[in-house]
N, C-alpha and C. Protein backbone atom coordinates (compact mmCIF):
# COMPACT_ATOMS: atom_id res chain seq x y z
N MET A 1 -1.04 -3.84 15.43
CA MET A 1 0.40 -3.76 15.53
C MET A 1 0.83 -2.35 15.12
N LEU A 2 1.77 -1.82 15.83
CA LEU A 2 2.25 -0.47 15.55
C LEU A 2 3.41 -0.49 14.56
N ILE A 3 3.48 0.51 13.70
CA ILE A 3 4.54 0.60 12.70
C ILE A 3 5.91 0.73 13.36
N ARG A 4 5.97 1.29 14.54
CA ARG A 4 7.28 1.43 15.20
C ARG A 4 7.89 0.07 15.57
N GLN A 5 7.09 -0.99 15.53
CA GLN A 5 7.59 -2.33 15.79
C GLN A 5 8.25 -2.94 14.55
N VAL A 6 8.06 -2.30 13.40
CA VAL A 6 8.63 -2.79 12.14
C VAL A 6 10.01 -2.17 12.00
N LYS A 7 11.02 -2.99 12.02
CA LYS A 7 12.41 -2.51 12.02
C LYS A 7 12.97 -2.23 10.63
N ASN A 8 12.40 -2.83 9.57
CA ASN A 8 12.98 -2.74 8.23
C ASN A 8 12.28 -1.77 7.30
N ALA A 9 11.27 -1.05 7.78
CA ALA A 9 10.50 -0.17 6.90
C ALA A 9 11.00 1.27 6.98
N GLN A 10 10.86 1.97 5.87
CA GLN A 10 11.20 3.39 5.79
C GLN A 10 9.93 4.18 5.57
N ARG A 11 9.82 5.32 6.25
CA ARG A 11 8.65 6.17 6.08
C ARG A 11 8.70 6.86 4.72
N VAL A 12 7.57 6.80 4.01
CA VAL A 12 7.44 7.49 2.73
C VAL A 12 6.88 8.88 2.96
N GLY A 13 5.81 8.98 3.77
CA GLY A 13 5.18 10.25 4.04
C GLY A 13 3.77 10.06 4.55
N HIS A 14 3.03 11.18 4.60
CA HIS A 14 1.65 11.12 5.07
C HIS A 14 0.72 11.77 4.05
N LEU A 15 -0.57 11.44 4.19
CA LEU A 15 -1.58 11.94 3.26
C LEU A 15 -2.35 13.10 3.87
N ILE A 16 -2.78 14.00 3.01
CA ILE A 16 -3.64 15.10 3.40
C ILE A 16 -4.75 15.24 2.35
N THR A 17 -5.81 15.96 2.69
CA THR A 17 -6.81 16.28 1.69
C THR A 17 -6.29 17.45 0.86
N ARG A 18 -6.65 17.46 -0.41
CA ARG A 18 -6.22 18.56 -1.28
C ARG A 18 -7.18 19.72 -1.16
N GLU A 19 -6.64 20.91 -1.08
CA GLU A 19 -7.47 22.11 -0.96
C GLU A 19 -8.23 22.40 -2.25
N ASP A 20 -7.66 22.01 -3.40
CA ASP A 20 -8.26 22.34 -4.69
C ASP A 20 -9.29 21.32 -5.16
N HIS A 21 -9.43 20.20 -4.43
CA HIS A 21 -10.37 19.16 -4.85
C HIS A 21 -10.79 18.36 -3.63
N ASP A 22 -12.07 18.43 -3.27
CA ASP A 22 -12.52 17.83 -2.01
C ASP A 22 -12.49 16.31 -1.98
N LYS A 23 -12.34 15.66 -3.12
CA LYS A 23 -12.34 14.19 -3.15
C LYS A 23 -10.93 13.61 -3.28
N LYS A 24 -9.95 14.43 -3.61
CA LYS A 24 -8.61 13.90 -3.85
C LYS A 24 -7.69 14.13 -2.65
N LEU A 25 -6.69 13.27 -2.55
CA LEU A 25 -5.71 13.34 -1.47
C LEU A 25 -4.34 13.65 -2.07
N ALA A 26 -3.41 14.08 -1.23
CA ALA A 26 -2.04 14.35 -1.66
C ALA A 26 -1.07 13.69 -0.70
N LEU A 27 0.06 13.28 -1.23
CA LEU A 27 1.14 12.69 -0.44
C LEU A 27 2.15 13.77 -0.11
N ILE A 28 2.44 13.95 1.16
CA ILE A 28 3.51 14.83 1.62
C ILE A 28 4.66 13.93 1.99
N THR A 29 5.71 13.93 1.16
CA THR A 29 6.80 12.98 1.37
C THR A 29 7.69 13.37 2.53
N ASP A 30 8.25 12.35 3.14
CA ASP A 30 9.20 12.52 4.23
C ASP A 30 10.43 13.22 3.68
N LYS A 31 11.02 14.11 4.45
CA LYS A 31 12.20 14.85 4.00
C LYS A 31 13.41 13.94 3.77
N LYS A 32 13.41 12.77 4.39
CA LYS A 32 14.55 11.86 4.27
C LYS A 32 14.50 10.97 3.03
N ILE A 33 13.37 10.94 2.35
CA ILE A 33 13.25 10.06 1.19
C ILE A 33 13.66 10.82 -0.08
N THR A 34 14.39 10.13 -0.94
CA THR A 34 14.88 10.76 -2.17
C THR A 34 13.92 10.48 -3.33
N LYS A 35 14.06 11.26 -4.39
CA LYS A 35 13.26 11.03 -5.60
C LYS A 35 13.57 9.65 -6.18
N GLU A 36 14.83 9.23 -6.09
CA GLU A 36 15.22 7.91 -6.60
C GLU A 36 14.50 6.81 -5.83
N GLN A 37 14.40 6.96 -4.51
CA GLN A 37 13.70 5.96 -3.71
C GLN A 37 12.21 5.95 -4.04
N LEU A 38 11.61 7.11 -4.24
CA LEU A 38 10.19 7.21 -4.56
C LEU A 38 9.86 6.54 -5.89
N ARG A 39 10.79 6.61 -6.83
CA ARG A 39 10.53 6.12 -8.19
C ARG A 39 11.21 4.79 -8.51
N ASN A 40 11.87 4.19 -7.53
CA ASN A 40 12.57 2.93 -7.73
C ASN A 40 11.57 1.85 -8.14
N ASN A 41 11.79 1.23 -9.29
CA ASN A 41 10.85 0.24 -9.82
C ASN A 41 11.01 -1.16 -9.22
N THR A 42 11.94 -1.31 -8.30
CA THR A 42 12.09 -2.60 -7.62
C THR A 42 10.79 -2.92 -6.88
N GLY A 43 10.47 -4.19 -6.78
CA GLY A 43 9.29 -4.58 -6.02
C GLY A 43 9.37 -4.05 -4.60
N ARG A 44 8.21 -3.87 -3.99
CA ARG A 44 8.17 -3.29 -2.66
C ARG A 44 6.99 -3.82 -1.87
N VAL A 45 7.15 -3.79 -0.56
CA VAL A 45 6.06 -4.07 0.35
C VAL A 45 5.76 -2.76 1.05
N TYR A 46 4.48 -2.43 1.17
CA TYR A 46 4.13 -1.16 1.80
C TYR A 46 3.19 -1.39 2.98
N PHE A 47 3.23 -0.43 3.87
CA PHE A 47 2.40 -0.44 5.08
C PHE A 47 1.60 0.85 5.10
N LEU A 48 0.29 0.73 5.18
CA LEU A 48 -0.61 1.86 5.34
C LEU A 48 -0.96 1.90 6.83
N THR A 49 -0.70 3.04 7.46
CA THR A 49 -0.97 3.15 8.90
C THR A 49 -1.92 4.31 9.19
N VAL A 50 -2.65 4.17 10.27
CA VAL A 50 -3.49 5.24 10.79
C VAL A 50 -3.11 5.44 12.25
N ASP A 51 -2.64 6.64 12.56
CA ASP A 51 -2.15 6.95 13.91
C ASP A 51 -1.16 5.89 14.41
N GLY A 52 -0.30 5.43 13.48
CA GLY A 52 0.76 4.50 13.82
C GLY A 52 0.36 3.04 13.83
N VAL A 53 -0.92 2.72 13.64
CA VAL A 53 -1.41 1.34 13.62
C VAL A 53 -1.42 0.84 12.18
N ILE A 54 -0.84 -0.32 11.94
CA ILE A 54 -0.81 -0.90 10.59
C ILE A 54 -2.22 -1.38 10.23
N GLU A 55 -2.76 -0.83 9.13
CA GLU A 55 -4.09 -1.19 8.67
C GLU A 55 -4.06 -1.99 7.37
N LYS A 56 -2.93 -1.96 6.66
CA LYS A 56 -2.79 -2.68 5.39
C LYS A 56 -1.33 -2.99 5.15
N ILE A 57 -1.06 -4.22 4.76
CA ILE A 57 0.26 -4.63 4.26
C ILE A 57 0.03 -5.09 2.83
N GLY A 58 0.67 -4.42 1.89
CA GLY A 58 0.49 -4.76 0.49
C GLY A 58 1.82 -4.85 -0.22
N GLY A 59 1.77 -5.30 -1.45
CA GLY A 59 2.97 -5.40 -2.25
C GLY A 59 2.71 -4.92 -3.65
N SER A 60 3.75 -4.45 -4.32
CA SER A 60 3.59 -3.92 -5.66
C SER A 60 4.92 -3.92 -6.39
N GLN A 61 4.84 -4.03 -7.70
CA GLN A 61 6.00 -3.86 -8.55
C GLN A 61 5.63 -2.94 -9.71
N SER A 62 4.67 -2.06 -9.46
CA SER A 62 4.22 -1.15 -10.51
C SER A 62 5.34 -0.20 -10.91
N LYS A 63 5.34 0.16 -12.18
CA LYS A 63 6.32 1.14 -12.65
C LYS A 63 6.02 2.47 -12.00
N GLY A 64 7.07 3.20 -11.69
CA GLY A 64 6.90 4.48 -11.02
C GLY A 64 7.17 4.40 -9.53
N GLY A 65 7.50 3.20 -9.05
CA GLY A 65 7.90 3.03 -7.66
C GLY A 65 6.79 3.17 -6.64
N ILE A 66 7.20 3.40 -5.40
CA ILE A 66 6.23 3.53 -4.30
C ILE A 66 5.32 4.73 -4.55
N GLN A 67 5.82 5.73 -5.24
CA GLN A 67 5.01 6.90 -5.57
C GLN A 67 3.80 6.49 -6.41
N ALA A 68 3.99 5.61 -7.38
CA ALA A 68 2.89 5.13 -8.21
C ALA A 68 1.96 4.21 -7.42
N THR A 69 2.52 3.42 -6.53
CA THR A 69 1.71 2.54 -5.70
C THR A 69 0.75 3.36 -4.85
N ILE A 70 1.25 4.41 -4.23
CA ILE A 70 0.44 5.25 -3.35
C ILE A 70 -0.58 6.07 -4.16
N ALA A 71 -0.25 6.38 -5.41
CA ALA A 71 -1.15 7.19 -6.24
C ALA A 71 -2.55 6.58 -6.33
N ALA A 72 -2.65 5.26 -6.27
CA ALA A 72 -3.96 4.60 -6.33
C ALA A 72 -4.84 4.98 -5.14
N TYR A 73 -4.23 5.42 -4.06
CA TYR A 73 -4.98 5.81 -2.86
C TYR A 73 -5.36 7.29 -2.86
N LEU A 74 -4.94 8.03 -3.86
CA LEU A 74 -5.10 9.48 -3.84
C LEU A 74 -6.24 10.04 -4.68
N ALA A 75 -6.69 9.31 -5.68
CA ALA A 75 -7.48 9.90 -6.76
C ALA A 75 -8.96 10.12 -6.51
N GLY A 76 -9.56 9.57 -5.51
CA GLY A 76 -11.01 9.64 -5.43
C GLY A 76 -11.56 8.66 -6.43
N PHE A 77 -12.80 8.79 -6.85
CA PHE A 77 -13.34 7.85 -7.82
C PHE A 77 -13.01 8.28 -9.23
N SER A 78 -12.55 7.34 -10.01
CA SER A 78 -12.38 7.57 -11.44
C SER A 78 -12.94 6.36 -12.18
N LYS A 79 -13.41 6.57 -13.40
CA LYS A 79 -14.03 5.50 -14.18
C LYS A 79 -13.09 4.31 -14.29
N GLY A 80 -13.61 3.14 -14.04
CA GLY A 80 -12.82 1.93 -14.14
C GLY A 80 -12.09 1.55 -12.86
N MET A 81 -12.19 2.37 -11.83
CA MET A 81 -11.52 2.08 -10.56
C MET A 81 -12.13 0.82 -9.93
N SER A 82 -11.29 -0.04 -9.44
CA SER A 82 -11.77 -1.27 -8.80
C SER A 82 -12.36 -0.95 -7.43
N PRO A 83 -13.26 -1.80 -6.95
CA PRO A 83 -13.77 -1.62 -5.59
C PRO A 83 -12.64 -1.58 -4.55
N ARG A 84 -11.60 -2.37 -4.74
CA ARG A 84 -10.48 -2.40 -3.80
C ARG A 84 -9.79 -1.03 -3.74
N SER A 85 -9.52 -0.43 -4.90
CA SER A 85 -8.88 0.88 -4.92
C SER A 85 -9.79 1.95 -4.32
N TYR A 86 -11.07 1.87 -4.65
CA TYR A 86 -12.03 2.83 -4.11
C TYR A 86 -12.07 2.73 -2.58
N CYS A 87 -12.13 1.53 -2.06
CA CYS A 87 -12.18 1.34 -0.60
C CYS A 87 -10.91 1.85 0.06
N GLY A 88 -9.75 1.63 -0.56
CA GLY A 88 -8.49 2.13 -0.01
C GLY A 88 -8.50 3.65 0.08
N TRP A 89 -8.94 4.31 -1.01
CA TRP A 89 -9.04 5.76 -1.02
C TRP A 89 -10.04 6.24 0.03
N ASN A 90 -11.21 5.62 0.07
CA ASN A 90 -12.26 6.03 0.99
C ASN A 90 -11.82 5.85 2.45
N PHE A 91 -11.11 4.76 2.73
CA PHE A 91 -10.59 4.52 4.07
C PHE A 91 -9.63 5.63 4.49
N CYS A 92 -8.71 5.97 3.60
CA CYS A 92 -7.73 7.03 3.89
C CYS A 92 -8.44 8.37 4.10
N ARG A 93 -9.33 8.71 3.19
CA ARG A 93 -10.03 10.00 3.26
C ARG A 93 -10.84 10.13 4.54
N LYS A 94 -11.58 9.10 4.89
CA LYS A 94 -12.40 9.15 6.11
C LYS A 94 -11.53 9.34 7.35
N ASN A 95 -10.40 8.67 7.39
CA ASN A 95 -9.51 8.81 8.54
C ASN A 95 -8.88 10.19 8.61
N ILE A 96 -8.49 10.74 7.47
CA ILE A 96 -7.93 12.10 7.45
C ILE A 96 -8.98 13.11 7.91
N LEU A 97 -10.19 12.97 7.39
CA LEU A 97 -11.27 13.89 7.78
C LEU A 97 -11.62 13.77 9.27
N ALA A 98 -11.34 12.61 9.85
CA ALA A 98 -11.58 12.40 11.29
C ALA A 98 -10.41 12.91 12.13
N GLY A 99 -9.41 13.53 11.47
CA GLY A 99 -8.29 14.11 12.20
C GLY A 99 -7.17 13.13 12.52
N LYS A 100 -7.18 11.99 11.86
CA LYS A 100 -6.14 10.98 12.11
C LYS A 100 -5.00 11.13 11.11
N LYS A 101 -3.83 10.64 11.49
CA LYS A 101 -2.65 10.71 10.63
C LYS A 101 -2.53 9.42 9.82
N VAL A 102 -2.61 9.56 8.50
CA VAL A 102 -2.50 8.42 7.58
C VAL A 102 -1.13 8.48 6.93
N GLU A 103 -0.34 7.42 7.14
CA GLU A 103 1.03 7.40 6.63
C GLU A 103 1.31 6.13 5.84
N PHE A 104 2.33 6.22 4.99
CA PHE A 104 2.83 5.06 4.26
C PHE A 104 4.30 4.83 4.60
N TYR A 105 4.65 3.56 4.69
CA TYR A 105 6.03 3.11 4.89
C TYR A 105 6.27 2.02 3.85
N PHE A 106 7.54 1.72 3.57
CA PHE A 106 7.80 0.64 2.63
C PHE A 106 9.14 -0.05 2.87
N ILE A 107 9.23 -1.24 2.32
CA ILE A 107 10.47 -2.02 2.29
C ILE A 107 10.72 -2.33 0.82
N LEU A 108 11.86 -1.93 0.31
CA LEU A 108 12.24 -2.28 -1.06
C LEU A 108 12.79 -3.70 -1.09
N ALA A 109 12.43 -4.44 -2.12
CA ALA A 109 12.98 -5.78 -2.28
C ALA A 109 14.48 -5.67 -2.53
N PRO A 110 15.28 -6.43 -1.79
CA PRO A 110 16.73 -6.33 -1.99
C PRO A 110 17.17 -6.91 -3.33
N MET A 111 18.27 -6.39 -3.82
CA MET A 111 18.86 -6.89 -5.06
C MET A 111 19.75 -8.08 -4.73
N THR A 112 19.83 -9.01 -5.67
CA THR A 112 20.68 -10.18 -5.51
C THR A 112 21.25 -10.58 -6.86
N THR A 113 22.34 -11.31 -6.85
CA THR A 113 22.94 -11.79 -8.09
C THR A 113 22.32 -13.14 -8.44
N ALA A 114 21.93 -13.28 -9.70
CA ALA A 114 21.34 -14.54 -10.16
C ALA A 114 21.99 -14.96 -11.47
N ARG A 115 22.08 -16.24 -11.66
CA ARG A 115 22.59 -16.80 -12.92
C ARG A 115 21.38 -17.17 -13.76
N ILE A 116 21.22 -16.48 -14.91
CA ILE A 116 20.04 -16.71 -15.74
C ILE A 116 20.45 -17.19 -17.13
N PRO A 117 19.55 -17.94 -17.77
CA PRO A 117 19.87 -18.40 -19.13
C PRO A 117 19.50 -17.35 -20.17
N SER A 118 20.31 -17.30 -21.22
CA SER A 118 19.91 -16.58 -22.43
C SER A 118 19.63 -17.68 -23.45
N MET A 119 19.62 -17.37 -24.71
CA MET A 119 19.31 -18.39 -25.70
C MET A 119 20.40 -19.45 -25.83
N SER A 120 21.66 -19.03 -25.62
CA SER A 120 22.73 -20.00 -25.85
C SER A 120 23.75 -20.09 -24.71
N THR A 121 23.59 -19.30 -23.69
CA THR A 121 24.57 -19.30 -22.61
C THR A 121 23.89 -18.92 -21.30
N TRP A 122 24.68 -18.74 -20.28
CA TRP A 122 24.21 -18.28 -18.98
C TRP A 122 24.96 -17.01 -18.63
N LYS A 123 24.30 -16.12 -17.91
CA LYS A 123 25.01 -14.92 -17.48
C LYS A 123 24.52 -14.52 -16.08
N GLU A 124 25.37 -13.80 -15.37
CA GLU A 124 25.02 -13.32 -14.05
C GLU A 124 24.48 -11.89 -14.15
N VAL A 125 23.35 -11.65 -13.49
CA VAL A 125 22.72 -10.33 -13.49
C VAL A 125 22.26 -9.98 -12.08
N GLU A 126 22.07 -8.70 -11.86
CA GLU A 126 21.50 -8.22 -10.59
C GLU A 126 19.98 -8.14 -10.77
N ILE A 127 19.24 -8.82 -9.92
CA ILE A 127 17.79 -8.77 -9.97
C ILE A 127 17.24 -8.55 -8.57
N ALA A 128 16.02 -8.05 -8.52
CA ALA A 128 15.36 -7.84 -7.23
C ALA A 128 14.75 -9.14 -6.73
N THR A 129 14.79 -9.34 -5.44
CA THR A 129 14.11 -10.45 -4.81
C THR A 129 12.61 -10.29 -5.07
N ASP A 130 11.89 -11.38 -5.23
CA ASP A 130 10.45 -11.32 -5.46
C ASP A 130 9.76 -10.72 -4.23
N PHE A 131 9.08 -9.59 -4.42
CA PHE A 131 8.44 -8.91 -3.29
C PHE A 131 7.33 -9.74 -2.66
N HIS A 132 6.75 -10.69 -3.41
CA HIS A 132 5.67 -11.51 -2.86
C HIS A 132 6.11 -12.26 -1.61
N GLN A 133 7.34 -12.76 -1.64
CA GLN A 133 7.84 -13.50 -0.47
C GLN A 133 8.00 -12.59 0.74
N ILE A 134 8.42 -11.35 0.50
CA ILE A 134 8.57 -10.38 1.58
C ILE A 134 7.20 -10.01 2.13
N GLU A 135 6.25 -9.78 1.24
CA GLU A 135 4.89 -9.45 1.65
C GLU A 135 4.29 -10.58 2.49
N THR A 136 4.43 -11.80 2.01
CA THR A 136 3.91 -12.96 2.75
C THR A 136 4.54 -13.06 4.13
N ALA A 137 5.85 -12.87 4.20
CA ALA A 137 6.54 -12.94 5.49
C ALA A 137 6.04 -11.85 6.45
N CYS A 138 5.81 -10.65 5.93
CA CYS A 138 5.31 -9.55 6.78
C CYS A 138 3.89 -9.83 7.27
N VAL A 139 3.03 -10.29 6.37
CA VAL A 139 1.64 -10.58 6.75
C VAL A 139 1.60 -11.72 7.76
N GLU A 140 2.39 -12.76 7.54
CA GLU A 140 2.43 -13.88 8.48
C GLU A 140 2.94 -13.46 9.85
N GLU A 141 3.97 -12.60 9.88
CA GLU A 141 4.49 -12.12 11.15
C GLU A 141 3.44 -11.28 11.88
N TYR A 142 2.75 -10.42 11.15
CA TYR A 142 1.68 -9.61 11.73
C TYR A 142 0.62 -10.52 12.36
N LYS A 143 0.16 -11.51 11.58
CA LYS A 143 -0.90 -12.41 12.07
C LYS A 143 -0.43 -13.20 13.28
N SER A 144 0.81 -13.62 13.27
CA SER A 144 1.37 -14.36 14.40
C SER A 144 1.36 -13.51 15.68
N LYS A 145 1.68 -12.23 15.53
CA LYS A 145 1.75 -11.34 16.70
C LYS A 145 0.39 -10.83 17.13
N GLU A 146 -0.51 -10.58 16.17
CA GLU A 146 -1.80 -9.95 16.48
C GLU A 146 -2.97 -10.94 16.55
N GLY A 147 -2.79 -12.13 15.97
CA GLY A 147 -3.88 -13.10 15.96
C GLY A 147 -4.95 -12.81 14.92
N LYS A 148 -4.69 -11.85 14.04
CA LYS A 148 -5.61 -11.47 12.98
C LYS A 148 -4.81 -10.78 11.89
N PHE A 149 -5.47 -10.54 10.76
CA PHE A 149 -4.83 -9.82 9.66
C PHE A 149 -5.08 -8.33 9.80
N PRO A 150 -4.25 -7.49 9.15
CA PRO A 150 -4.55 -6.05 9.14
C PRO A 150 -5.94 -5.82 8.55
N TYR A 151 -6.59 -4.75 8.99
CA TYR A 151 -7.97 -4.45 8.63
C TYR A 151 -8.23 -4.51 7.13
N LEU A 152 -7.36 -3.91 6.31
CA LEU A 152 -7.59 -3.85 4.87
C LEU A 152 -6.99 -5.01 4.08
N ASN A 153 -6.48 -6.02 4.73
CA ASN A 153 -5.96 -7.21 4.04
C ASN A 153 -7.11 -8.19 3.82
N MET A 154 -7.99 -7.85 2.89
CA MET A 154 -9.21 -8.61 2.63
C MET A 154 -8.94 -10.00 2.08
N GLN A 155 -8.03 -10.09 1.13
CA GLN A 155 -7.77 -11.37 0.48
C GLN A 155 -7.31 -12.41 1.50
N GLU A 156 -6.38 -12.03 2.34
CA GLU A 156 -5.85 -12.96 3.34
C GLU A 156 -6.88 -13.33 4.40
N SER A 157 -7.71 -12.36 4.78
CA SER A 157 -8.68 -12.60 5.86
C SER A 157 -9.97 -13.25 5.38
N GLY A 158 -10.17 -13.29 4.06
CA GLY A 158 -11.39 -13.89 3.53
C GLY A 158 -12.61 -12.98 3.63
N LYS A 159 -12.39 -11.70 3.95
CA LYS A 159 -13.49 -10.73 4.04
C LYS A 159 -13.83 -10.18 2.66
N ARG A 160 -14.96 -9.49 2.58
CA ARG A 160 -15.40 -8.87 1.33
C ARG A 160 -15.42 -7.36 1.52
N TRP A 161 -15.10 -6.63 0.46
CA TRP A 161 -15.09 -5.17 0.53
C TRP A 161 -16.46 -4.62 0.90
N ILE A 162 -17.51 -5.23 0.42
CA ILE A 162 -18.86 -4.75 0.70
C ILE A 162 -19.14 -4.73 2.20
N ASP A 163 -18.52 -5.64 2.95
CA ASP A 163 -18.77 -5.74 4.39
C ASP A 163 -18.08 -4.64 5.21
N THR A 164 -17.17 -3.88 4.59
CA THR A 164 -16.46 -2.84 5.33
C THR A 164 -17.24 -1.54 5.44
N GLY A 165 -18.23 -1.34 4.57
CA GLY A 165 -18.94 -0.07 4.52
C GLY A 165 -18.19 0.98 3.72
N LEU A 166 -17.00 0.63 3.21
CA LEU A 166 -16.17 1.58 2.48
C LEU A 166 -16.59 1.76 1.02
N LEU A 167 -17.54 0.95 0.55
CA LEU A 167 -18.01 1.09 -0.83
C LEU A 167 -19.12 2.12 -0.95
N GLU A 168 -19.48 2.77 0.14
CA GLU A 168 -20.49 3.81 0.11
C GLU A 168 -20.09 4.87 -0.92
N GLY A 169 -20.99 5.14 -1.86
CA GLY A 169 -20.72 6.11 -2.91
C GLY A 169 -20.11 5.51 -4.17
N TYR A 170 -19.75 4.23 -4.13
CA TYR A 170 -19.18 3.57 -5.32
C TYR A 170 -20.30 3.31 -6.32
N PRO A 171 -20.12 3.65 -7.60
CA PRO A 171 -21.18 3.44 -8.60
C PRO A 171 -21.61 1.98 -8.66
N GLY A 172 -22.91 1.79 -8.67
CA GLY A 172 -23.47 0.44 -8.80
C GLY A 172 -23.65 -0.27 -7.47
N ILE A 173 -23.25 0.35 -6.38
CA ILE A 173 -23.42 -0.26 -5.05
C ILE A 173 -24.64 0.36 -4.40
N ILE A 174 -25.55 -0.49 -3.98
CA ILE A 174 -26.75 -0.02 -3.30
C ILE A 174 -26.39 0.38 -1.87
N ASP A 175 -26.88 1.53 -1.42
CA ASP A 175 -26.62 2.00 -0.06
C ASP A 175 -27.30 1.07 0.91
N THR A 176 -26.52 0.30 1.66
CA THR A 176 -27.05 -0.68 2.59
C THR A 176 -27.47 -0.06 3.92
N LYS A 177 -27.26 1.25 4.10
CA LYS A 177 -27.62 1.91 5.36
C LYS A 177 -29.09 2.34 5.37
N LYS A 178 -29.76 2.30 4.21
CA LYS A 178 -31.16 2.75 4.12
C LYS A 178 -32.07 1.65 4.60
């Protein structure tokens, strides 16, 4: 499925390799996105694309906004990095090195008014909609249209990271190509 078919997403930017470090990537943000949008702590659903094709639909509510969410894809290997994060970085890096355009888009969870309890009363507050429901709706719509899950949506598809070949170079993983 192509990202241009997604009507509610905003482009964050694209990734490049860093000149000062051969294993790390950098985000070049879209000129239309503001610092406030990049750092908005509201839950979000993000789309990782390669040459306009959606390869991953994910969700996050990490502090630091979409900028912090994307940071996990930039670092190369660092101690304690999960296989999932390593594979995401490796996937992006391999595609960039192959001359492909790797981009991120996102949908911020909308704010809504809710009546919540305190210890002795109720009050109305503005809260963000749970991003999980938005992520689920996006993944289900993708699967309905494509008949499969995005390539990097391992949990939903029941695939294993080891089967992608993206764990090559990850500490403790035996090279299965030998």
